């Protein structure tokens, strides 16, 4: 089987063992002003870089293989129901950027991202469980839903 054939049948998973910043935290950090003489940049930029880098480390440690097109099944596992699902799901930005940083996908645009599903649970351990489905498996997965 050549690499192209293998990639059409790929299912890969990884787990982020913490809760990602939600939309409310992201918006709040983006609105904060910072002093122009501080070189570290905005708080949002710092959060984005940190989250993206840490998630990319997990992706690399899990040895996720490069894939041309991907469909993501994401299970967001929270400690309780205090945060709304739309707030929680804003963390997709960090996940997609980390996949790109880890060279799993070339880009996080329309040519490489087929879509994603979100599921929300309260359980332990908290975190985010991500399943990456290549196009062949994505068709199989979505037919059952």
Protein backbone atom coordinates (compact mmCIF):
# COMPACT_ATOMS: atom_id res chain seq x y z
CA UNK A 1 0.00 0.00 0.00
CA UNK A 2 1.43 3.39 -0.88
CA UNK A 3 1.21 6.41 1.47
CA UNK A 4 -1.76 7.91 -0.36
CA UNK A 5 -3.74 4.69 -0.03
CA UNK A 6 -2.89 4.35 3.66
CA UNK A 7 -3.92 7.92 4.41
CA UNK A 8 -7.42 7.31 3.03
CA UNK A 9 -8.06 4.76 5.78
CA UNK A 10 -6.52 6.49 8.77
CA UNK A 11 -8.07 6.93 12.21
CA UNK A 12 -5.86 8.61 14.79
CA UNK A 13 -6.56 9.86 18.32
CA UNK A 14 -4.97 12.00 20.96
CA UNK A 15 -5.99 13.44 24.32
CA UNK A 16 -5.39 16.91 25.76
CA UNK A 17 -5.44 16.51 29.56
CA UNK A 18 -6.66 20.00 30.41
CA UNK A 19 -9.57 22.31 29.65
CA UNK A 20 -8.85 24.73 26.82
CA UNK A 21 -9.69 28.42 27.14
CA UNK A 22 -13.23 29.11 25.96
CA UNK A 23 -14.70 31.92 23.90
CA UNK A 24 -15.25 34.11 26.96
CA UNK A 25 -11.60 33.83 28.02
CA UNK A 26 -10.40 34.37 24.46
CA UNK A 27 -12.53 37.50 23.97
CA UNK A 28 -11.55 38.87 27.36
CA UNK A 29 -7.84 38.39 26.63
CA UNK A 30 -8.17 39.96 23.17
CA UNK A 31 -9.91 43.05 24.59
CA UNK A 32 -7.28 43.72 27.22
CA UNK A 33 -4.99 46.50 26.27
CA UNK A 34 -1.30 46.22 26.74
CA UNK A 35 1.39 48.81 26.96
CA UNK A 36 3.10 49.38 23.60
CA UNK A 37 6.56 49.19 25.18
CA UNK A 38 5.99 45.61 26.38
CA UNK A 39 7.42 43.24 23.78
CA UNK A 40 5.42 40.18 24.80
CA UNK A 41 2.37 41.28 22.77
CA UNK A 42 -1.28 40.89 23.64
CA UNK A 43 -2.55 38.45 26.23
CA UNK A 44 -4.51 36.63 23.50
CA UNK A 45 -1.36 36.15 21.46
CA UNK A 46 0.41 34.70 24.49
CA UNK A 47 -2.46 32.32 25.29
CA UNK A 48 -2.76 31.22 21.65
CA UNK A 49 0.98 30.53 21.31
CA UNK A 50 1.13 28.65 24.62
CA UNK A 51 -1.93 26.48 23.97
CA UNK A 52 -0.93 25.76 20.36
CA UNK A 53 2.62 24.81 21.36
CA UNK A 54 1.53 22.53 24.24
CA UNK A 55 -1.08 20.75 22.12
CA UNK A 56 1.46 20.33 19.29
CA UNK A 57 3.81 18.63 21.80
CA UNK A 58 1.07 16.09 22.59
CA UNK A 59 0.41 15.51 18.89
CA UNK A 60 4.10 14.90 18.23
CA UNK A 61 4.47 12.63 21.27
CA UNK A 62 1.44 10.62 20.11
CA UNK A 63 3.08 10.28 16.68
CA UNK A 64 0.08 11.46 14.73
CA UNK A 65 0.75 10.94 11.03
CA UNK A 66 0.45 13.61 8.34
CA UNK A 67 -2.90 13.66 6.59
CA UNK A 68 -4.09 15.68 3.59
CA UNK A 69 -7.74 16.07 4.53
CA UNK A 70 -9.25 15.43 7.94
CA UNK A 71 -12.58 15.25 9.74
CA UNK A 72 -12.40 15.66 13.53
CA UNK A 73 -14.58 14.10 16.18
CA UNK A 74 -14.05 16.12 19.35
CA UNK A 75 -15.23 15.16 22.83
CA UNK A 76 -14.96 18.03 25.28
CA UNK A 77 -14.84 16.64 28.83
CA UNK A 78 -15.57 19.20 31.53
CA UNK A 79 -15.67 18.96 35.32
CA UNK A 80 -19.16 20.47 35.43
CA UNK A 81 -21.71 22.28 33.25
CA UNK A 82 -20.75 25.85 34.15
CA UNK A 83 -19.44 26.71 30.66
CA UNK A 84 -21.82 26.67 27.70
CA UNK A 85 -21.00 24.31 24.80
CA UNK A 86 -20.45 27.17 22.34
CA UNK A 87 -17.99 28.73 24.78
CA UNK A 88 -16.11 25.45 25.22
CA UNK A 89 -15.92 24.66 21.49
CA UNK A 90 -13.98 27.84 20.73
CA UNK A 91 -10.90 25.80 21.66
CA UNK A 92 -11.04 24.24 18.18
CA UNK A 93 -8.84 27.14 17.04
CA UNK A 94 -5.96 25.95 19.23
CA UNK A 95 -6.40 22.33 18.10
CA UNK A 96 -6.37 23.16 14.39
CA UNK A 97 -3.38 25.49 14.76
CA UNK A 98 -1.51 22.80 16.71
CA UNK A 99 -2.21 20.21 14.00
CA UNK A 100 -0.70 22.64 11.53
CA UNK A 101 2.29 23.44 13.79
CA UNK A 102 2.97 19.70 14.23
CA UNK A 103 2.84 19.27 10.41
CA UNK A 104 -0.11 16.90 10.55
CA UNK A 105 -2.10 19.12 8.20
CA UNK A 106 -0.74 21.61 5.70
CA UNK A 107 -3.29 24.27 6.53
CA UNK A 108 -6.43 24.69 8.64
CA UNK A 109 -8.50 25.99 5.72
CA UNK A 110 -11.18 24.50 3.51
CA UNK A 111 -8.77 22.36 1.49
CA UNK A 112 -7.63 20.35 4.52
CA UNK A 113 -10.46 20.48 7.08
CA UNK A 114 -13.56 18.54 6.04
CA UNK A 115 -15.43 19.43 9.23
CA UNK A 116 -15.88 18.31 12.82
CA UNK A 117 -18.38 17.14 15.36
CA UNK A 118 -18.56 18.22 18.98
CA UNK A 119 -19.73 16.17 21.93
CA UNK A 120 -19.85 17.53 25.47
CA UNK A 121 -19.55 15.47 28.65
CA UNK A 122 -18.88 15.89 32.33
CA UNK A 123 -16.51 13.23 33.60
CA UNK A 124 -13.07 12.58 34.92
CA UNK A 125 -10.42 12.99 33.72
CA UNK A 126 -11.19 16.38 32.23
CA UNK A 127 -9.76 17.32 28.84
CA UNK A 128 -10.36 17.00 25.15
CA UNK A 129 -10.40 13.72 23.20
CA UNK A 130 -9.78 14.18 19.48
CA UNK A 131 -10.25 11.56 16.79
CA UNK A 132 -8.89 12.41 13.34
CA UNK A 133 -10.68 10.66 10.49
CA UNK A 134 -9.37 10.59 6.94
CA UNK A 135 -11.93 10.99 4.12
CA UNK A 136 -12.72 7.28 3.76
CA UNK A 137 -13.42 6.83 7.47
CA UNK A 138 -15.23 10.16 7.70
CA UNK A 139 -17.84 8.88 5.23
CA UNK A 140 -18.29 5.72 7.28
CA UNK A 141 -18.53 7.67 10.53
CA UNK A 142 -21.08 10.25 9.36
CA UNK A 143 -23.38 7.69 7.70
CA UNK A 144 -24.14 6.23 11.13
CA UNK A 145 -25.22 9.57 12.61
